[in-house]
Amino acid sequence: VRLNLVLVPALAIAFYLFADRLPLILLPLGVGYLTFAVLISLAWGL
């Protein structure tokens, strides 16, 4: 969770900035990882 406090915003910004240059396969993988990390962090925090 502590690692993802830094990694999730960095990945979200990178995906936003480079969305048109990333291969299409990275989009669902990135969104899946971000969703997983947010849900695990939310469950841990609660």
ModelCIF file with pLDDT and N, C-alpha, C, O atoms, coordinates in Angstrom:
data_MODEL
#
_entry.id   MODEL 
#
_entity.id                         1 
_entity.type                       polymer 
_entity.pdbx_number_of_molecules   1 
#
_entity_poly.entity_id                      1 
_entity_poly.type                           'polypeptide(L)' 
_entity_poly.nstd_linkage                   no 
_entity_poly.nstd_monomer                   no 
_entity_poly.pdbx_seq_one_letter_code       VRLNLVLVPALAIAFYLFADRLPLILLPLGVGYLTFAVLISLAWGL 
_entity_poly.pdbx_seq_one_letter_code_can   VRLNLVLVPALAIAFYLFADRLPLILLPLGVGYLTFAVLISLAWGL 
_entity_poly.pdbx_strand_id                 A 
#
loop_
_entity_poly_seq.entity_id 
_entity_poly_seq.num 
_entity_poly_seq.mon_id 
_entity_poly_seq.hetero 
1 1  VAL n 
1 2  ARG n 
1 3  LEU n 
1 4  ASN n 
1 5  LEU n 
1 6  VAL n 
1 7  LEU n 
1 8  VAL n 
1 9  PRO n 
1 10 ALA n 
1 11 LEU n 
1 12 ALA n 
1 13 ILE n 
1 14 ALA n 
1 15 PHE n 
1 16 TYR n 
1 17 LEU n 
1 18 PHE n 
1 19 ALA n 
1 20 ASP n 
1 21 ARG n 
1 22 LEU n 
1 23 PRO n 
1 24 LEU n 
1 25 ILE n 
1 26 LEU n 
1 27 LEU n 
1 28 PRO n 
1 29 LEU n 
1 30 GLY n 
1 31 VAL n 
1 32 GLY n 
1 33 TYR n 
1 34 LEU n 
1 35 THR n 
1 36 PHE n 
1 37 ALA n 
1 38 VAL n 
1 39 LEU n 
1 40 ILE n 
1 41 SER n 
1 42 LEU n 
1 43 ALA n 
1 44 TRP n 
1 45 GLY n 
1 46 LEU n 
#
_struct_asym.id          A 
_struct_asym.entity_id   1 
#
loop_
_ma_qa_metric.id 
_ma_qa_metric.mode 
_ma_qa_metric.name 
_ma_qa_metric.software_group_id 
_ma_qa_metric.type 
1 global pLDDT . pLDDT 
2 local  pLDDT . pLDDT 
#
_ma_qa_metric_global.metric_id      1 
_ma_qa_metric_global.metric_value   89.70 
_ma_qa_metric_global.model_id       1 
_ma_qa_metric_global.ordinal_id     1 
#
loop_
_ma_qa_metric_local.label_asym_id 
_ma_qa_metric_local.label_comp_id 
_ma_qa_metric_local.label_seq_id 
_ma_qa_metric_local.metric_id 
_ma_qa_metric_local.metric_value 
_ma_qa_metric_local.model_id 
_ma_qa_metric_local.ordinal_id 
A VAL 1  2 90.00 1 1  
A ARG 2  2 91.00 1 2  
A LEU 3  2 91.00 1 3  
A ASN 4  2 90.00 1 4  
A LEU 5  2 89.00 1 5  
A VAL 6  2 92.00 1 6  
A LEU 7  2 90.00 1 7  
A VAL 8  2 89.00 1 8  
A PRO 9  2 91.00 1 9  
A ALA 10 2 92.00 1 10 
A LEU 11 2 88.00 1 11 
A ALA 12 2 88.00 1 12 
A ILE 13 2 91.00 1 13 
A ALA 14 2 88.00 1 14 
A PHE 15 2 86.00 1 15 
A TYR 16 2 88.00 1 16 
A LEU 17 2 91.00 1 17 
A PHE 18 2 88.00 1 18 
A ALA 19 2 84.00 1 19 
A ASP 20 2 88.00 1 20 
A ARG 21 2 89.00 1 21 
A LEU 22 2 83.00 1 22 
A PRO 23 2 87.00 1 23 
A LEU 24 2 86.00 1 24 
A ILE 25 2 87.00 1 25 
A LEU 26 2 86.00 1 26 
A LEU 27 2 84.00 1 27 
A PRO 28 2 89.00 1 28 
A LEU 29 2 90.00 1 29 
A GLY 30 2 86.00 1 30 
A VAL 31 2 88.00 1 31 
A GLY 32 2 92.00 1 32 
A TYR 33 2 92.00 1 33 
A LEU 34 2 89.00 1 34 
A THR 35 2 92.00 1 35 
A PHE 36 2 93.00 1 36 
A ALA 37 2 92.00 1 37 
A VAL 38 2 91.00 1 38 
A LEU 39 2 94.00 1 39 
A ILE 40 2 93.00 1 40 
A SER 41 2 92.00 1 41 
A LEU 42 2 93.00 1 42 
A ALA 43 2 94.00 1 43 
A TRP 44 2 93.00 1 44 
A GLY 45 2 92.00 1 45 
A LEU 46 2 94.00 1 46 
#
loop_
_atom_site.group_PDB 
_atom_site.id 
_atom_site.type_symbol 
_atom_site.label_atom_id 
_atom_site.label_alt_id 
_atom_site.label_comp_id 
_atom_site.label_asym_id 
_atom_site.label_entity_id 
_atom_site.label_seq_id 
_atom_site.pdbx_PDB_ins_code 
_atom_site.Cartn_x 
_atom_site.Cartn_y 
_atom_site.Cartn_z 
_atom_site.occupancy 
_atom_site.B_iso_or_equiv 
_atom_site.pdbx_formal_charge 
_atom_site.auth_seq_id 
_atom_site.auth_comp_id 
_atom_site.auth_asym_id 
_atom_site.auth_atom_id 
_atom_site.pdbx_PDB_model_num 
ATOM 1   N N  . VAL A 1 1  ? 0.837   -1.209 0.000   1.00 90.00 ? 1  VAL A N  1 
ATOM 2   C CA . VAL A 1 1  ? 0.000   0.000  0.000   1.00 90.00 ? 1  VAL A CA 1 
ATOM 3   C C  . VAL A 1 1  ? 0.863   1.245  0.000   1.00 90.00 ? 1  VAL A C  1 
ATOM 4   O O  . VAL A 1 1  ? 0.583   2.193  -0.734  1.00 90.00 ? 1  VAL A O  1 
ATOM 5   N N  . ARG A 1 2  ? 1.907   1.258  0.812   1.00 91.00 ? 2  ARG A N  1 
ATOM 6   C CA . ARG A 1 2  ? 2.781   2.443  0.857   1.00 91.00 ? 2  ARG A CA 1 
ATOM 7   C C  . ARG A 1 2  ? 3.497   2.669  -0.484  1.00 91.00 ? 2  ARG A C  1 
ATOM 8   O O  . ARG A 1 2  ? 3.660   3.809  -0.917  1.00 91.00 ? 2  ARG A O  1 
ATOM 9   N N  . LEU A 1 3  ? 3.914   1.597  -1.126  1.00 91.00 ? 3  LEU A N  1 
ATOM 10  C CA . LEU A 1 3  ? 4.541   1.718  -2.442  1.00 91.00 ? 3  LEU A CA 1 
ATOM 11  C C  . LEU A 1 3  ? 3.557   2.283  -3.452  1.00 91.00 ? 3  LEU A C  1 
ATOM 12  O O  . LEU A 1 3  ? 3.928   3.108  -4.288  1.00 91.00 ? 3  LEU A O  1 
ATOM 13  N N  . ASN A 1 4  ? 2.320   1.849  -3.383  1.00 90.00 ? 4  ASN A N  1 
ATOM 14  C CA . ASN A 1 4  ? 1.312   2.296  -4.336  1.00 90.00 ? 4  ASN A CA 1 
ATOM 15  C C  . ASN A 1 4  ? 0.846   3.725  -4.088  1.00 90.00 ? 4  ASN A C  1 
ATOM 16  O O  . ASN A 1 4  ? 0.243   4.331  -4.973  1.00 90.00 ? 4  ASN A O  1 
ATOM 17  N N  . LEU A 1 5  ? 1.109   4.277  -2.912  1.00 89.00 ? 5  LEU A N  1 
ATOM 18  C CA . LEU A 1 5  ? 0.797   5.689  -2.687  1.00 89.00 ? 5  LEU A CA 1 
ATOM 19  C C  . LEU A 1 5  ? 1.614   6.578  -3.616  1.00 89.00 ? 5  LEU A C  1 
ATOM 20  O O  . LEU A 1 5  ? 1.193   7.684  -3.951  1.00 89.00 ? 5  LEU A O  1 
ATOM 21  N N  . VAL A 1 6  ? 2.772   6.100  -4.027  1.00 92.00 ? 6  VAL A N  1 
ATOM 22  C CA . VAL A 1 6  ? 3.617   6.838  -4.969  1.00 92.00 ? 6  VAL A CA 1 
ATOM 23  C C  . VAL A 1 6  ? 3.405   6.326  -6.393  1.00 92.00 ? 6  VAL A C  1 
ATOM 24  O O  . VAL A 1 6  ? 3.335   7.108  -7.341  1.00 92.00 ? 6  VAL A O  1 
ATOM 25  N N  . LEU A 1 7  ? 3.305   5.001  -6.531  1.00 90.00 ? 7  LEU A N  1 
ATOM 26  C CA . LEU A 1 7  ? 3.270   4.388  -7.853  1.00 90.00 ? 7  LEU A CA 1 
ATOM 27  C C  . LEU A 1 7  ? 1.959   4.639  -8.600  1.00 90.00 ? 7  LEU A C  1 
ATOM 28  O O  . LEU A 1 7  ? 1.988   4.888  -9.805  1.00 90.00 ? 7  LEU A O  1 
ATOM 29  N N  . VAL A 1 8  ? 0.836   4.582  -7.932  1.00 89.00 ? 8  VAL A N  1 
ATOM 30  C CA . VAL A 1 8  ? -0.464  4.735  -8.605  1.00 89.00 ? 8  VAL A CA 1 
ATOM 31  C C  . VAL A 1 8  ? -0.621  6.126  -9.232  1.00 89.00 ? 8  VAL A C  1 
ATOM 32  O O  . VAL A 1 8  ? -0.989  6.213  -10.404 1.00 89.00 ? 8  VAL A O  1 
ATOM 33  N N  . PRO A 1 9  ? -0.359  7.210  -8.504  1.00 91.00 ? 9  PRO A N  1 
ATOM 34  C CA . PRO A 1 9  ? -0.473  8.527  -9.172  1.00 91.00 ? 9  PRO A CA 1 
ATOM 35  C C  . PRO A 1 9  ? 0.525   8.693  -10.326 1.00 91.00 ? 9  PRO A C  1 
ATOM 36  O O  . PRO A 1 9  ? 0.203   9.298  -11.348 1.00 91.00 ? 9  PRO A O  1 
ATOM 37  N N  . ALA A 1 10 ? 1.739   8.150  -10.155 1.00 92.00 ? 10 ALA A N  1 
ATOM 38  C CA . ALA A 1 10 ? 2.738   8.254  -11.229 1.00 92.00 ? 10 ALA A CA 1 
ATOM 39  C C  . ALA A 1 10 ? 2.280   7.489  -12.468 1.00 92.00 ? 10 ALA A C  1 
ATOM 40  O O  . ALA A 1 10 ? 2.426   7.985  -13.585 1.00 92.00 ? 10 ALA A O  1 
ATOM 41  N N  . LEU A 1 11 ? 1.730   6.293  -12.286 1.00 88.00 ? 11 LEU A N  1 
ATOM 42  C CA . LEU A 1 11 ? 1.233   5.519  -13.424 1.00 88.00 ? 11 LEU A CA 1 
ATOM 43  C C  . LEU A 1 11 ? 0.028   6.186  -14.074 1.00 88.00 ? 11 LEU A C  1 
ATOM 44  O O  . LEU A 1 11 ? -0.091  6.199  -15.299 1.00 88.00 ? 11 LEU A O  1 
ATOM 45  N N  . ALA A 1 12 ? -0.852  6.731  -13.270 1.00 88.00 ? 12 ALA A N  1 
ATOM 46  C CA . ALA A 1 12 ? -2.036  7.392  -13.820 1.00 88.00 ? 12 ALA A CA 1 
ATOM 47  C C  . ALA A 1 12 ? -1.638  8.604  -14.660 1.00 88.00 ? 12 ALA A C  1 
ATOM 48  O O  . ALA A 1 12 ? -2.193  8.824  -15.736 1.00 88.00 ? 12 ALA A O  1 
ATOM 49  N N  . ILE A 1 13 ? -0.691  9.379  -14.178 1.00 91.00 ? 13 ILE A N  1 
ATOM 50  C CA . ILE A 1 13 ? -0.221  10.544 -14.934 1.00 91.00 ? 13 ILE A CA 1 
ATOM 51  C C  . ILE A 1 13 ? 0.493   10.107 -16.210 1.00 91.00 ? 13 ILE A C  1 
ATOM 52  O O  . ILE A 1 13 ? 0.303   10.707 -17.268 1.00 91.00 ? 13 ILE A O  1 
ATOM 53  N N  . ALA A 1 14 ? 1.318   9.057  -16.108 1.00 88.00 ? 14 ALA A N  1 
ATOM 54  C CA . ALA A 1 14 ? 2.036   8.563  -17.289 1.00 88.00 ? 14 ALA A CA 1 
ATOM 55  C C  . ALA A 1 14 ? 1.057   8.043  -18.340 1.00 88.00 ? 14 ALA A C  1 
ATOM 56  O O  . ALA A 1 14 ? 1.222   8.318  -19.528 1.00 88.00 ? 14 ALA A O  1 
ATOM 57  N N  . PHE A 1 15 ? 0.035   7.291  -17.909 1.00 86.00 ? 15 PHE A N  1 
ATOM 58  C CA . PHE A 1 15 ? -0.953  6.799  -18.866 1.00 86.00 ? 15 PHE A CA 1 
ATOM 59  C C  . PHE A 1 15 ? -1.716  7.954  -19.506 1.00 86.00 ? 15 PHE A C  1 
ATOM 60  O O  . PHE A 1 15 ? -2.048  7.896  -20.690 1.00 86.00 ? 15 PHE A O  1 
ATOM 61  N N  . TYR A 1 16 ? -1.995  8.999  -18.733 1.00 88.00 ? 16 TYR A N  1 
ATOM 62  C CA . TYR A 1 16 ? -2.714  10.143 -19.293 1.00 88.00 ? 16 TYR A CA 1 
ATOM 63  C C  . TYR A 1 16 ? -1.848  10.888 -20.318 1.00 88.00 ? 16 TYR A C  1 
ATOM 64  O O  . TYR A 1 16 ? -2.322  11.259 -21.392 1.00 88.00 ? 16 TYR A O  1 
ATOM 65  N N  . LEU A 1 17 ? -0.588  11.096 -19.974 1.00 91.00 ? 17 LEU A N  1 
ATOM 66  C CA . LEU A 1 17 ? 0.289   11.866 -20.852 1.00 91.00 ? 17 LEU A CA 1 
ATOM 67  C C  . LEU A 1 17 ? 0.690   11.109 -22.114 1.00 91.00 ? 17 LEU A C  1 
ATOM 68  O O  . LEU A 1 17 ? 0.809   11.704 -23.185 1.00 91.00 ? 17 LEU A O  1 
ATOM 69  N N  . PHE A 1 18 ? 0.899   9.790  -21.992 1.00 88.00 ? 18 PHE A N  1 
ATOM 70  C CA . PHE A 1 18 ? 1.408   9.011  -23.114 1.00 88.00 ? 18 PHE A CA 1 
ATOM 71  C C  . PHE A 1 18 ? 0.374   8.044  -23.676 1.00 88.00 ? 18 PHE A C  1 
ATOM 72  O O  . PHE A 1 18 ? 0.754   7.037  -24.273 1.00 88.00 ? 18 PHE A O  1 
ATOM 73  N N  . ALA A 1 19 ? -0.890  8.306  -23.511 1.00 84.00 ? 19 ALA A N  1 
ATOM 74  C CA . ALA A 1 19 ? -1.946  7.383  -23.932 1.00 84.00 ? 19 ALA A CA 1 
ATOM 75  C C  . ALA A 1 19 ? -1.912  7.131  -25.433 1.00 84.00 ? 19 ALA A C  1 
ATOM 76  O O  . ALA A 1 19 ? -2.180  6.011  -25.867 1.00 84.00 ? 19 ALA A O  1 
ATOM 77  N N  . ASP A 1 20 ? -1.597  8.122  -26.224 1.00 88.00 ? 20 ASP A N  1 
ATOM 78  C CA . ASP A 1 20 ? -1.597  7.924  -27.668 1.00 88.00 ? 20 ASP A CA 1 
ATOM 79  C C  . ASP A 1 20 ? -0.344  7.207  -28.163 1.00 88.00 ? 20 ASP A C  1 
ATOM 80  O O  . ASP A 1 20 ? -0.329  6.730  -29.298 1.00 88.00 ? 20 ASP A O  1 
ATOM 81  N N  . ARG A 1 21 ? 0.703   7.117  -27.350 1.00 89.00 ? 21 ARG A N  1 
ATOM 82  C CA . ARG A 1 21 ? 1.947   6.470  -27.770 1.00 89.00 ? 21 ARG A CA 1 
ATOM 83  C C  . ARG A 1 21 ? 2.131   5.070  -27.196 1.00 89.00 ? 21 ARG A C  1 
ATOM 84  O O  . ARG A 1 21 ? 3.028   4.343  -27.624 1.00 89.00 ? 21 ARG A O  1 
ATOM 85  N N  . LEU A 1 22 ? 1.295   4.681  -26.234 1.00 83.00 ? 22 LEU A N  1 
ATOM 86  C CA . LEU A 1 22 ? 1.428   3.360  -25.609 1.00 83.00 ? 22 LEU A CA 1 
ATOM 87  C C  . LEU A 1 22 ? 0.771   2.285  -26.467 1.00 83.00 ? 22 LEU A C  1 
ATOM 88  O O  . LEU A 1 22 ? -0.246  2.540  -27.113 1.00 83.00 ? 22 LEU A O  1 
ATOM 89  N N  . PRO A 1 23 ? 1.345   1.088  -26.477 1.00 87.00 ? 23 PRO A N  1 
ATOM 90  C CA . PRO A 1 23 ? 0.670   -0.009 -27.183 1.00 87.00 ? 23 PRO A CA 1 
ATOM 91  C C  . PRO A 1 23 ? -0.685  -0.286 -26.541 1.00 87.00 ? 23 PRO A C  1 
ATOM 92  O O  . PRO A 1 23 ? -0.860  -0.115 -25.335 1.00 87.00 ? 23 PRO A O  1 
ATOM 93  N N  . LEU A 1 24 ? -1.626  -0.708 -27.351 1.00 86.00 ? 24 LEU A N  1 
ATOM 94  C CA . LEU A 1 24 ? -2.990  -0.916 -26.883 1.00 86.00 ? 24 LEU A CA 1 
ATOM 95  C C  . LEU A 1 24 ? -3.083  -1.952 -25.766 1.00 86.00 ? 24 LEU A C  1 
ATOM 96  O O  . LEU A 1 24 ? -3.956  -1.842 -24.904 1.00 86.00 ? 24 LEU A O  1 
ATOM 97  N N  . ILE A 1 25 ? -2.208  -2.952 -25.760 1.00 87.00 ? 25 ILE A N  1 
ATOM 98  C CA . ILE A 1 25 ? -2.265  -3.999 -24.739 1.00 87.00 ? 25 ILE A CA 1 
ATOM 99  C C  . ILE A 1 25 ? -1.962  -3.444 -23.345 1.00 87.00 ? 25 ILE A C  1 
ATOM 100 O O  . ILE A 1 25 ? -2.415  -4.014 -22.352 1.00 87.00 ? 25 ILE A O  1 
ATOM 101 N N  . LEU A 1 26 ? -1.214  -2.356 -23.250 1.00 86.00 ? 26 LEU A N  1 
ATOM 102 C CA . LEU A 1 26 ? -0.878  -1.795 -21.941 1.00 86.00 ? 26 LEU A CA 1 
ATOM 103 C C  . LEU A 1 26 ? -2.057  -1.096 -21.278 1.00 86.00 ? 26 LEU A C  1 
ATOM 104 O O  . LEU A 1 26 ? -2.089  -0.970 -20.054 1.00 86.00 ? 26 LEU A O  1 
ATOM 105 N N  . LEU A 1 27 ? -3.007  -0.650 -22.053 1.00 84.00 ? 27 LEU A N  1 
ATOM 106 C CA . LEU A 1 27 ? -4.149  0.066  -21.476 1.00 84.00 ? 27 LEU A CA 1 
ATOM 107 C C  . LEU A 1 27 ? -4.975  -0.810 -20.529 1.00 84.00 ? 27 LEU A C  1 
ATOM 108 O O  . LEU A 1 27 ? -5.176  -0.410 -19.383 1.00 84.00 ? 27 LEU A O  1 
ATOM 109 N N  . PRO A 1 28 ? -5.463  -1.981 -20.948 1.00 89.00 ? 28 PRO A N  1 
ATOM 110 C CA . PRO A 1 28 ? -6.231  -2.792 -19.993 1.00 89.00 ? 28 PRO A CA 1 
ATOM 111 C C  . PRO A 1 28 ? -5.378  -3.319 -18.847 1.00 89.00 ? 28 PRO A C  1 
ATOM 112 O O  . PRO A 1 28 ? -5.869  -3.461 -17.727 1.00 89.00 ? 28 PRO A O  1 
ATOM 113 N N  . LEU A 1 29 ? -4.097  -3.613 -19.113 1.00 90.00 ? 29 LEU A N  1 
ATOM 114 C CA . LEU A 1 29 ? -3.220  -4.066 -18.029 1.00 90.00 ? 29 LEU A CA 1 
ATOM 115 C C  . LEU A 1 29 ? -3.002  -2.959 -16.999 1.00 90.00 ? 29 LEU A C  1 
ATOM 116 O O  . LEU A 1 29 ? -3.037  -3.208 -15.794 1.00 90.00 ? 29 LEU A O  1 
ATOM 117 N N  . GLY A 1 30 ? -2.780  -1.755 -17.475 1.00 86.00 ? 30 GLY A N  1 
ATOM 118 C CA . GLY A 1 30 ? -2.574  -0.624 -16.568 1.00 86.00 ? 30 GLY A CA 1 
ATOM 119 C C  . GLY A 1 30 ? -3.825  -0.288 -15.777 1.00 86.00 ? 30 GLY A C  1 
ATOM 120 O O  . GLY A 1 30 ? -3.761  -0.044 -14.573 1.00 86.00 ? 30 GLY A O  1 
ATOM 121 N N  . VAL A 1 31 ? -4.952  -0.277 -16.450 1.00 88.00 ? 31 VAL A N  1 
ATOM 122 C CA . VAL A 1 31 ? -6.220  0.011  -15.760 1.00 88.00 ? 31 VAL A CA 1 
ATOM 123 C C  . VAL A 1 31 ? -6.532  -1.091 -14.749 1.00 88.00 ? 31 VAL A C  1 
ATOM 124 O O  . VAL A 1 31 ? -7.029  -0.812 -13.657 1.00 88.00 ? 31 VAL A O  1 
ATOM 125 N N  . GLY A 1 32 ? -6.246  -2.328 -15.107 1.00 92.00 ? 32 GLY A N  1 
ATOM 126 C CA . GLY A 1 32 ? -6.462  -3.438 -14.179 1.00 92.00 ? 32 GLY A CA 1 
ATOM 127 C C  . GLY A 1 32 ? -5.583  -3.322 -12.943 1.00 92.00 ? 32 GLY A C  1 
ATOM 128 O O  . GLY A 1 32 ? -6.048  -3.525 -11.821 1.00 92.00 ? 32 GLY A O  1 
ATOM 129 N N  . TYR A 1 33 ? -4.301  -2.992 -13.151 1.00 92.00 ? 33 TYR A N  1 
ATOM 130 C CA . TYR A 1 33 ? -3.406  -2.833 -12.007 1.00 92.00 ? 33 TYR A CA 1 
ATOM 131 C C  . TYR A 1 33 ? -3.828  -1.667 -11.119 1.00 92.00 ? 33 TYR A C  1 
ATOM 132 O O  . TYR A 1 33 ? -3.839  -1.785 -9.894  1.00 92.00 ? 33 TYR A O  1 
ATOM 133 N N  . LEU A 1 34 ? -4.172  -0.553 -11.736 1.00 89.00 ? 34 LEU A N  1 
ATOM 134 C CA . LEU A 1 34 ? -4.599  0.608  -10.948 1.00 89.00 ? 34 LEU A CA 1 
ATOM 135 C C  . LEU A 1 34 ? -5.857  0.288  -10.148 1.00 89.00 ? 34 LEU A C  1 
ATOM 136 O O  . LEU A 1 34 ? -5.962  0.679  -8.985  1.00 89.00 ? 34 LEU A O  1 
ATOM 137 N N  . THR A 1 35 ? -6.807  -0.413 -10.750 1.00 92.00 ? 35 THR A N  1 
ATOM 138 C CA . THR A 1 35 ? -8.030  -0.797 -10.045 1.00 92.00 ? 35 THR A CA 1 
ATOM 139 C C  . THR A 1 35 ? -7.715  -1.728 -8.888  1.00 92.00 ? 35 THR A C  1 
ATOM 140 O O  . THR A 1 35 ? -8.217  -1.539 -7.780  1.00 92.00 ? 35 THR A O  1 
ATOM 141 N N  . PHE A 1 36 ? -6.881  -2.736 -9.139  1.00 93.00 ? 36 PHE A N  1 
ATOM 142 C CA . PHE A 1 36 ? -6.489  -3.675 -8.090  1.00 93.00 ? 36 PHE A CA 1 
ATOM 143 C C  . PHE A 1 36 ? -5.792  -2.956 -6.941  1.00 93.00 ? 36 PHE A C  1 
ATOM 144 O O  . PHE A 1 36 ? -6.113  -3.194 -5.777  1.00 93.00 ? 36 PHE A O  1 
ATOM 145 N N  . ALA A 1 37 ? -4.847  -2.087 -7.254  1.00 92.00 ? 37 ALA A N  1 
ATOM 146 C CA . ALA A 1 37 ? -4.091  -1.389 -6.218  1.00 92.00 ? 37 ALA A CA 1 
ATOM 147 C C  . ALA A 1 37 ? -4.992  -0.471 -5.392  1.00 92.00 ? 37 ALA A C  1 
ATOM 148 O O  . ALA A 1 37 ? -4.846  -0.395 -4.172  1.00 92.00 ? 37 ALA A O  1 
ATOM 149 N N  . VAL A 1 38 ? -5.909  0.214  -6.040  1.00 91.00 ? 38 VAL A N  1 
ATOM 150 C CA . VAL A 1 38 ? -6.812  1.106  -5.317  1.00 91.00 ? 38 VAL A CA 1 
ATOM 151 C C  . VAL A 1 38 ? -7.746  0.303  -4.409  1.00 91.00 ? 38 VAL A C  1 
ATOM 152 O O  . VAL A 1 38 ? -7.985  0.699  -3.268  1.00 91.00 ? 38 VAL A O  1 
ATOM 153 N N  . LEU A 1 39 ? -8.270  -0.807 -4.898  1.00 94.00 ? 39 LEU A N  1 
ATOM 154 C CA . LEU A 1 39 ? -9.180  -1.620 -4.079  1.00 94.00 ? 39 LEU A CA 1 
ATOM 155 C C  . LEU A 1 39 ? -8.458  -2.239 -2.877  1.00 94.00 ? 39 LEU A C  1 
ATOM 156 O O  . LEU A 1 39 ? -8.997  -2.245 -1.770  1.00 94.00 ? 39 LEU A O  1 
ATOM 157 N N  . ILE A 1 40 ? -7.250  -2.756 -3.087  1.00 93.00 ? 40 ILE A N  1 
ATOM 158 C CA . ILE A 1 40 ? -6.477  -3.328 -1.976  1.00 93.00 ? 40 ILE A CA 1 
ATOM 159 C C  . ILE A 1 40 ? -6.130  -2.248 -0.961  1.00 93.00 ? 40 ILE A C  1 
ATOM 160 O O  . ILE A 1 40 ? -6.226  -2.476 0.245   1.00 93.00 ? 40 ILE A O  1 
ATOM 161 N N  . SER A 1 41 ? -5.732  -1.085 -1.434  1.00 92.00 ? 41 SER A N  1 
ATOM 162 C CA . SER A 1 41 ? -5.382  0.010  -0.527  1.00 92.00 ? 41 SER A CA 1 
ATOM 163 C C  . SER A 1 41 ? -6.596  0.493  0.257   1.00 92.00 ? 41 SER A C  1 
ATOM 164 O O  . SER A 1 41 ? -6.495  0.789  1.448   1.00 92.00 ? 41 SER A O  1 
ATOM 165 N N  . LEU A 1 42 ? -7.736  0.570  -0.409  1.00 93.00 ? 42 LEU A N  1 
ATOM 166 C CA . LEU A 1 42 ? -8.961  0.988  0.269   1.00 93.00 ? 42 LEU A CA 1 
ATOM 167 C C  . LEU A 1 42 ? -9.361  -0.035 1.328   1.00 93.00 ? 42 LEU A C  1 
ATOM 168 O O  . LEU A 1 42 ? -9.726  0.341  2.442   1.00 93.00 ? 42 LEU A O  1 
ATOM 169 N N  . ALA A 1 43 ? -9.298  -1.308 0.999   1.00 94.00 ? 43 ALA A N  1 
ATOM 170 C CA . ALA A 1 43 ? -9.645  -2.357 1.967   1.00 94.00 ? 43 ALA A CA 1 
ATOM 171 C C  . ALA A 1 43 ? -8.691  -2.336 3.149   1.00 94.00 ? 43 ALA A C  1 
ATOM 172 O O  . ALA A 1 43 ? -9.127  -2.481 4.291   1.00 94.00 ? 43 ALA A O  1 
ATOM 173 N N  . TRP A 1 44 ? -7.406  -2.159 2.903   1.00 93.00 ? 44 TRP A N  1 
ATOM 174 C CA . TRP A 1 44 ? -6.420  -2.098 3.987   1.00 93.00 ? 44 TRP A CA 1 
ATOM 175 C C  . TRP A 1 44 ? -6.667  -0.881 4.870   1.00 93.00 ? 44 TRP A C  1 
ATOM 176 O O  . TRP A 1 44 ? -6.614  -0.981 6.096   1.00 93.00 ? 44 TRP A O  1 
ATOM 177 N N  . GLY A 1 45 ? -6.937  0.265  4.254   1.00 92.00 ? 45 GLY A N  1 
ATOM 178 C CA . GLY A 1 45 ? -7.185  1.484  5.021   1.00 92.00 ? 45 GLY A CA 1 
ATOM 179 C C  . GLY A 1 45 ? -8.442  1.384  5.870   1.00 92.00 ? 45 GLY A C  1 
ATOM 180 O O  . GLY A 1 45 ? -8.444  1.810  7.025   1.00 92.00 ? 45 GLY A O  1 
ATOM 181 N N  . LEU A 1 46 ? -9.506  0.828  5.316   1.00 94.00 ? 46 LEU A N  1 
ATOM 182 C CA . LEU A 1 46 ? -10.741 0.667  6.087   1.00 94.00 ? 46 LEU A CA 1 
ATOM 183 C C  . LEU A 1 46 ? -10.559 -0.339 7.220   1.00 94.00 ? 46 LEU A C  1 
ATOM 184 O O  . LEU A 1 46 ? -11.499 -0.599 7.972   1.00 94.00 ? 46 LEU A O  1 
#
